[in-house]
Amino acid sequence: MIDLDQAKQMIDKQDSGINRLNNVTLNVERDTPFVEIEGFKEMDFISHGFSTRLGGVSTGIYESMNLGIHLDDDKDLVIENYKRIAAALDIDYKRISCPNQQHHDNILVVNEEDAGDGIIRELTHDDVDAQITNVPNLPLIVYSADCVPILLADPVKKVIGSIHAGWRGTVMGIAAKTVKKMQEVYGCDPKDIRAAIGPSIGIDSYEVDETVIEEVKKCEFIDFSDDNVSFLGASDTFDNEFVIVKGVAKDGVSGPSYGLYLTVKEKDRYMLNLWNINELILYNAGLTLGHIFNTKLDTYTHHDIFFSHRFTKGRRGLNAGIISIS
């Protein structure tokens, strides 16, 4: 596993976010390192971070900061990992809401009675892949090991959210549905909401077949009409081509363009960009470009820093994104 200095050097030089450079840093100020987003750090009403594999006590395939409390790891070791990451984030691990994720689009409105569910008492919230709350000191967690973890924060209404977006949840539009739920329940304006797309599998590592691409094309939150789609590098002799889709026009200005997947013709396969798909969905849901922060940290490529399901063929622990209202 990579050492802390090497991990920090690699993460700190990442360029991410449309309007920011070097937005991602590895915070090593405390005993347990975590990835943080400068655009979120500026909001003083929250604590947030994405865990790495570093700084924990688990062993074997779970080495070392495994936060998968429902896996077969020694529970005492996992709880110690929670204590460590919670201390680094200045939160109470005993109040984290820890639902079981199932790759669907169910959203839980978390209230005081949900504090500690799944960690200090028996799990009661199954099949939940997104959470929102306005309750202070009630941390929300999202687990991942290649899937896309997304944290949301509205500094106006003082509301937060966490989202687990695998490819199924992504094409179901769970990111957009969570934004809509924040509007319905708390009166949030999407223009005020910030989003952080955490470490997850990148386009260079995520090969899928045509059945997945067909589901992507069915996503109701993306305009796949002919005049909104373009192809970069398309020709009879060129093996690969990017499929590019525009976001919705706003205030008379054309939306940004996103490369969503790369065709690999010689293999009849596709390289899928879950980062861009979720960013496009969030933009189409009403978020502004300057409020979407994308770590662009590939868990597969950097499997020595983050757990990767695909690299280890399922023999791994879980990373997590955590956010809490102070």
Protein backbone atom coordinates (compact mmCIF):
# COMPACT_ATOMS: atom_id res chain seq x y z
CA MET A 1 0.00 0.00 0.00
CA ILE A 2 1.25 3.51 -0.82
CA ASP A 3 2.74 5.60 1.96
CA LEU A 4 1.10 8.80 3.19
CA ASP A 5 3.58 11.24 1.62
CA GLN A 6 3.21 9.65 -1.81
CA ALA A 7 -0.59 9.67 -1.53
CA LYS A 8 -0.65 13.34 -0.57
CA GLN A 9 1.66 14.29 -3.40
CA MET A 10 -0.53 12.48 -5.91
CA ILE A 11 -3.87 13.79 -4.64
CA ASP A 12 -2.81 17.39 -4.07
CA LYS A 13 -1.74 17.84 -7.68
CA GLN A 14 -5.14 16.80 -9.05
CA ASP A 15 -6.87 19.43 -11.18
CA SER A 16 -10.61 19.15 -10.77
CA GLY A 17 -13.85 21.06 -11.04
CA ILE A 18 -14.76 23.13 -14.07
CA ASN A 19 -13.90 26.50 -12.54
CA ARG A 20 -11.17 25.55 -10.06
CA LEU A 21 -7.67 24.15 -10.12
CA ASN A 22 -6.18 22.04 -7.34
CA ASN A 23 -9.53 21.87 -5.60
CA VAL A 24 -8.74 18.48 -4.02
CA THR A 25 -6.37 17.96 -1.11
CA LEU A 26 -5.43 15.12 1.20
CA ASN A 27 -5.80 16.47 4.73
CA VAL A 28 -3.05 15.00 6.91
CA GLU A 29 -3.33 17.44 9.81
CA ARG A 30 -4.66 14.71 12.10
CA ASP A 31 -3.80 11.06 12.62
CA THR A 32 -6.25 9.84 9.97
CA PRO A 33 -5.99 11.31 6.45
CA PHE A 34 -9.03 12.17 4.35
CA VAL A 35 -9.73 13.81 1.01
CA GLU A 36 -11.40 17.19 1.25
CA ILE A 37 -12.76 19.67 -1.26
CA GLU A 38 -11.74 23.32 -1.01
CA GLY A 39 -15.14 24.38 -2.33
CA PHE A 40 -16.78 22.52 0.56
CA LYS A 41 -14.20 23.55 3.16
CA GLU A 42 -15.28 27.16 2.53
CA MET A 43 -18.73 26.34 3.93
CA ASP A 44 -18.18 26.66 7.67
CA PHE A 45 -21.50 25.04 8.63
CA ILE A 46 -20.34 21.54 7.64
CA SER A 47 -17.65 18.95 8.19
CA HIS A 48 -16.91 16.67 5.26
CA GLY A 49 -14.39 14.22 3.85
CA PHE A 50 -13.78 11.12 1.75
CA SER A 51 -11.83 8.33 3.43
CA THR A 52 -8.86 6.52 1.95
CA ARG A 53 -7.39 3.08 2.72
CA LEU A 54 -4.82 4.78 4.97
CA GLY A 55 -4.83 5.26 8.73
CA GLY A 56 -6.97 2.33 9.87
CA VAL A 57 -6.46 -0.92 11.78
CA SER A 58 -8.17 -3.57 9.64
CA THR A 59 -6.05 -6.32 8.11
CA GLY A 60 -5.98 -8.69 5.15
CA ILE A 61 -8.24 -7.76 2.25
CA TYR A 62 -9.69 -4.97 4.42
CA GLU A 63 -6.36 -3.21 5.06
CA SER A 64 -6.56 -0.70 6.64
CA MET A 65 -9.33 1.97 6.84
CA ASN A 66 -12.27 -0.30 6.02
CA LEU A 67 -15.57 1.40 6.89
CA GLY A 68 -17.78 -1.44 5.64
CA ILE A 69 -19.51 -2.26 8.89
CA HIS A 70 -21.75 -4.86 7.23
CA LEU A 71 -18.85 -6.81 5.67
CA ASP A 72 -17.07 -9.79 7.24
CA ASP A 73 -14.31 -7.70 8.79
CA ASP A 74 -13.78 -7.82 12.57
CA LYS A 75 -16.43 -5.40 13.88
CA ASP A 76 -14.21 -4.13 16.69
CA LEU A 77 -11.59 -3.12 14.13
CA VAL A 78 -14.19 -1.44 11.92
CA ILE A 79 -15.54 0.53 14.89
CA GLU A 80 -12.01 1.66 15.67
CA ASN A 81 -11.73 2.85 12.07
CA TYR A 82 -14.96 4.81 12.54
CA LYS A 83 -13.59 6.39 15.69
CA ARG A 84 -10.46 7.46 13.85
CA ILE A 85 -12.12 9.00 10.79
CA ALA A 86 -14.76 10.64 13.00
CA ALA A 87 -12.09 12.22 15.18
CA ALA A 88 -10.37 13.59 12.07
CA LEU A 89 -13.66 15.11 10.90
CA ASP A 90 -14.74 16.38 14.34
CA ILE A 91 -17.92 14.31 14.34
CA ASP A 92 -19.49 11.75 16.69
CA TYR A 93 -19.23 8.30 15.12
CA LYS A 94 -22.09 7.05 17.31
CA ARG A 95 -24.51 9.41 15.52
CA ILE A 96 -23.70 8.49 11.89
CA SER A 97 -26.69 7.25 9.88
CA CYS A 98 -25.40 4.05 8.21
CA PRO A 99 -28.05 2.56 5.88
CA ASN A 100 -27.60 -0.48 3.65
CA GLN A 101 -27.17 0.46 -0.02
CA GLN A 102 -28.75 -1.62 -2.79
CA HIS A 103 -28.09 0.23 -6.10
CA HIS A 104 -31.59 1.70 -6.24
CA ASP A 105 -32.90 5.28 -6.01
CA ASN A 106 -34.54 5.32 -2.58
CA ILE A 107 -33.88 8.48 -0.58
CA LEU A 108 -34.08 8.68 3.22
CA VAL A 109 -35.01 11.90 5.01
CA VAL A 110 -32.87 11.51 8.12
CA ASN A 111 -34.24 12.75 11.45
CA GLU A 112 -32.95 12.72 15.01
CA GLU A 113 -34.28 9.21 15.67
CA ASP A 114 -32.04 7.91 12.86
CA ALA A 115 -28.81 8.98 14.56
CA GLY A 116 -26.55 5.94 14.98
CA ASP A 117 -28.76 3.63 12.96
CA GLY A 118 -26.71 0.71 11.65
CA ILE A 119 -23.62 1.43 13.73
CA ILE A 120 -24.48 1.51 17.46
CA ARG A 121 -27.71 -0.42 17.02
CA GLU A 122 -29.25 -2.88 14.60
CA LEU A 123 -29.74 -1.64 11.05
CA THR A 124 -33.32 -0.56 10.30
CA HIS A 125 -32.84 1.30 7.00
CA ASP A 126 -32.28 -1.18 4.18
CA ASP A 127 -32.27 -0.35 0.45
CA VAL A 128 -31.31 3.31 0.87
CA ASP A 129 -28.83 4.89 -1.54
CA ALA A 130 -29.24 8.57 -0.68
CA GLN A 131 -29.84 10.55 2.48
CA ILE A 132 -30.71 14.18 3.27
CA THR A 133 -31.05 16.06 6.53
CA ASN A 134 -31.08 19.47 8.19
CA VAL A 135 -30.37 18.08 11.67
CA PRO A 136 -27.09 19.33 13.19
CA ASN A 137 -24.52 16.80 14.37
CA LEU A 138 -26.17 13.94 12.49
CA PRO A 139 -23.55 12.74 10.00
CA LEU A 140 -24.55 11.10 6.74
CA ILE A 141 -22.35 8.45 5.14
CA VAL A 142 -22.12 7.00 1.65
CA TYR A 143 -20.08 3.84 0.98
CA SER A 144 -18.19 3.11 -2.21
CA ALA A 145 -15.50 0.93 -3.74
CA ASP A 146 -15.69 2.13 -7.37
CA CYS A 147 -19.28 3.48 -7.39
CA VAL A 148 -19.63 7.25 -7.27
CA PRO A 149 -20.06 8.86 -3.84
CA ILE A 150 -21.60 12.34 -3.96
CA LEU A 151 -21.93 14.83 -1.11
CA LEU A 152 -24.40 17.73 -1.27
CA ALA A 153 -24.59 20.89 0.82
CA ASP A 154 -26.91 23.91 0.71
CA PRO A 155 -25.35 26.77 2.71
CA VAL A 156 -28.55 28.85 2.52
CA LYS A 157 -31.04 26.34 3.93
CA LYS A 158 -28.33 24.50 5.93
CA VAL A 159 -29.19 21.12 4.39
CA ILE A 160 -26.84 18.26 3.45
CA GLY A 161 -27.08 15.05 1.45
CA SER A 162 -25.13 11.92 0.56
CA ILE A 163 -25.60 9.81 -2.59
CA HIS A 164 -24.40 6.38 -3.73
CA ALA A 165 -24.41 6.30 -7.54
CA GLY A 166 -23.30 3.07 -9.16
CA TRP A 167 -24.13 2.81 -12.82
CA ARG A 168 -27.67 1.68 -12.02
CA GLY A 169 -28.33 4.49 -9.57
CA THR A 170 -26.68 6.92 -11.95
CA VAL A 171 -28.97 6.09 -14.87
CA MET A 172 -31.98 6.13 -12.51
CA GLY A 173 -31.00 9.74 -11.86
CA ILE A 174 -30.51 9.37 -8.13
CA ALA A 175 -28.43 12.57 -8.05
CA ALA A 176 -31.21 14.63 -9.64
CA LYS A 177 -33.87 12.93 -7.52
CA THR A 178 -31.95 13.78 -4.35
CA VAL A 179 -31.73 17.43 -5.38
CA LYS A 180 -35.47 17.41 -6.04
CA LYS A 181 -36.10 15.83 -2.62
CA MET A 182 -34.08 18.63 -0.99
CA GLN A 183 -36.33 21.11 -2.81
CA GLU A 184 -39.54 19.36 -1.75
CA VAL A 185 -38.66 18.72 1.89
CA TYR A 186 -36.53 21.73 2.81
CA GLY A 187 -37.27 24.33 0.13
CA CYS A 188 -33.73 24.29 -1.27
CA ASP A 189 -32.91 26.17 -4.46
CA PRO A 190 -30.69 24.02 -6.72
CA LYS A 191 -28.64 27.10 -7.57
CA ASP A 192 -27.49 27.21 -3.93
CA ILE A 193 -26.55 23.52 -3.68
CA ARG A 194 -22.92 22.44 -3.86
CA ALA A 195 -21.96 18.92 -4.97
CA ALA A 196 -18.73 16.99 -4.46
CA ILE A 197 -18.15 13.92 -6.65
CA GLY A 198 -15.79 11.68 -4.70
CA PRO A 199 -13.17 9.04 -5.56
CA SER A 200 -14.64 6.39 -7.86
CA ILE A 201 -13.83 4.44 -10.99
CA GLY A 202 -12.79 6.59 -13.95
CA ILE A 203 -13.36 6.32 -17.69
CA ASP A 204 -9.91 4.84 -18.31
CA SER A 205 -10.78 1.90 -16.04
CA TYR A 206 -14.51 1.28 -16.46
CA GLU A 207 -15.23 -1.01 -19.38
CA VAL A 208 -18.89 -1.99 -19.94
CA ASP A 209 -20.98 -3.74 -22.56
CA GLU A 210 -23.79 -2.45 -24.75
CA THR A 211 -26.55 -3.39 -22.29
CA VAL A 212 -25.20 -0.78 -19.86
CA ILE A 213 -24.93 1.85 -22.60
CA GLU A 214 -28.52 1.21 -23.62
CA GLU A 215 -29.61 1.89 -20.04
CA VAL A 216 -27.55 5.10 -20.00
CA LYS A 217 -29.41 6.27 -23.11
CA LYS A 218 -32.71 5.79 -21.28
CA CYS A 219 -31.79 8.19 -18.49
CA GLU A 220 -34.61 10.71 -18.23
CA PHE A 221 -32.28 13.43 -16.94
CA ILE A 222 -30.09 13.50 -20.06
CA ASP A 223 -31.16 14.72 -23.51
CA PHE A 224 -30.05 12.08 -26.01
CA SER A 225 -31.92 13.59 -28.94
CA ASP A 226 -29.96 13.59 -32.20
CA ASP A 227 -29.28 17.33 -32.23
CA ASN A 228 -27.89 17.20 -28.68
CA VAL A 229 -25.38 14.41 -29.29
CA SER A 230 -22.09 14.64 -31.17
CA PHE A 231 -19.21 12.24 -31.87
CA LEU A 232 -15.54 13.05 -31.58
CA GLY A 233 -13.16 10.99 -33.67
CA ALA A 234 -15.85 9.12 -35.57
CA SER A 235 -14.69 7.58 -38.85
CA ASP A 236 -14.63 4.27 -40.68
CA THR A 237 -11.01 3.71 -39.80
CA PHE A 238 -10.82 5.24 -36.31
CA ASP A 239 -11.28 2.58 -33.65
CA ASN A 240 -12.52 4.79 -30.80
CA GLU A 241 -14.94 7.70 -30.56
CA PHE A 242 -16.28 9.85 -27.75
CA VAL A 243 -20.02 10.30 -27.43
CA ILE A 244 -20.62 13.88 -26.27
CA VAL A 245 -23.87 15.27 -24.88
CA LYS A 246 -24.77 18.87 -24.03
CA GLY A 247 -26.38 20.05 -20.84
CA VAL A 248 -29.60 22.05 -20.89
CA ALA A 249 -29.39 25.67 -22.04
CA LYS A 250 -29.80 28.21 -19.21
CA ASP A 251 -30.55 31.91 -19.53
CA GLY A 252 -30.14 31.67 -23.29
CA VAL A 253 -26.67 30.17 -23.04
CA SER A 254 -25.90 26.70 -24.38
CA GLY A 255 -25.13 24.10 -21.77
CA PRO A 256 -21.66 22.59 -21.31
CA SER A 257 -20.65 19.51 -23.28
CA TYR A 258 -19.74 16.26 -21.56
CA GLY A 259 -18.02 13.19 -22.98
CA LEU A 260 -20.16 10.39 -21.51
CA TYR A 261 -18.56 7.30 -22.97
CA LEU A 262 -15.92 6.13 -25.39
CA THR A 263 -16.70 3.44 -27.92
CA VAL A 264 -14.01 0.79 -28.37
CA LYS A 265 -14.98 -0.62 -31.76
CA GLU A 266 -12.36 -3.32 -32.06
CA LYS A 267 -13.64 -4.90 -28.82
CA ASP A 268 -17.32 -3.96 -29.20
CA ARG A 269 -17.07 -2.46 -25.74
CA TYR A 270 -17.41 0.97 -24.15
CA MET A 271 -15.51 3.00 -21.55
CA LEU A 272 -18.06 4.71 -19.33
CA ASN A 273 -17.53 8.07 -17.61
CA LEU A 274 -19.67 8.00 -14.47
CA TRP A 275 -18.05 11.24 -13.28
CA ASN A 276 -19.27 13.21 -16.29
CA ILE A 277 -22.67 11.55 -16.37
CA ASN A 278 -23.37 12.49 -12.75
CA GLU A 279 -21.97 15.99 -13.25
CA LEU A 280 -24.24 16.45 -16.27
CA ILE A 281 -27.25 15.15 -14.33
CA LEU A 282 -26.52 17.53 -11.45
CA TYR A 283 -26.13 20.43 -13.87
CA ASN A 284 -29.40 19.54 -15.60
CA ALA A 285 -31.05 19.34 -12.14
CA GLY A 286 -30.29 23.03 -11.65
CA LEU A 287 -26.85 23.20 -10.04
CA THR A 288 -24.44 25.79 -11.37
CA LEU A 289 -21.11 24.74 -12.89
CA GLY A 290 -19.09 26.55 -10.24
CA HIS A 291 -20.82 24.56 -7.50
CA ILE A 292 -19.94 21.10 -8.83
CA PHE A 293 -16.59 19.79 -7.61
CA ASN A 294 -15.24 16.60 -9.13
CA THR A 295 -12.27 14.91 -7.45
CA LYS A 296 -11.47 12.88 -10.59
CA LEU A 297 -9.68 10.33 -8.41
CA ASP A 298 -9.86 6.88 -10.02
CA THR A 299 -10.23 4.16 -7.38
CA TYR A 300 -9.15 1.46 -9.84
CA THR A 301 -5.98 3.24 -10.92
CA HIS A 302 -5.21 4.26 -7.35
CA HIS A 303 -6.21 0.98 -5.69
CA ASP A 304 -3.29 1.43 -3.32
CA ILE A 305 -5.02 4.54 -1.90
CA PHE A 306 -8.69 3.56 -2.23
CA PHE A 307 -10.60 0.29 -2.18
CA SER A 308 -11.57 -0.86 -5.68
CA HIS A 309 -14.15 -3.59 -6.20
CA ARG A 310 -13.20 -4.19 -9.82
CA PHE A 311 -9.44 -4.31 -9.26
CA THR A 312 -9.70 -6.78 -6.35
CA LYS A 313 -12.58 -8.77 -7.90
CA GLY A 314 -14.71 -8.02 -4.85
CA ARG A 315 -12.13 -8.82 -2.17
CA ARG A 316 -11.99 -5.43 -0.49
CA GLY A 317 -13.27 -3.07 2.17
CA LEU A 318 -15.26 0.11 1.65
CA ASN A 319 -14.34 3.75 1.28
CA ALA A 320 -16.81 6.35 2.51
CA GLY A 321 -17.85 9.93 2.04
CA ILE A 322 -19.11 11.60 5.22
CA ILE A 323 -20.80 14.96 5.74
CA SER A 324 -22.29 16.57 8.84
CA ILE A 325 -23.82 19.89 9.84
CA SER A 326 -21.66 21.35 12.58
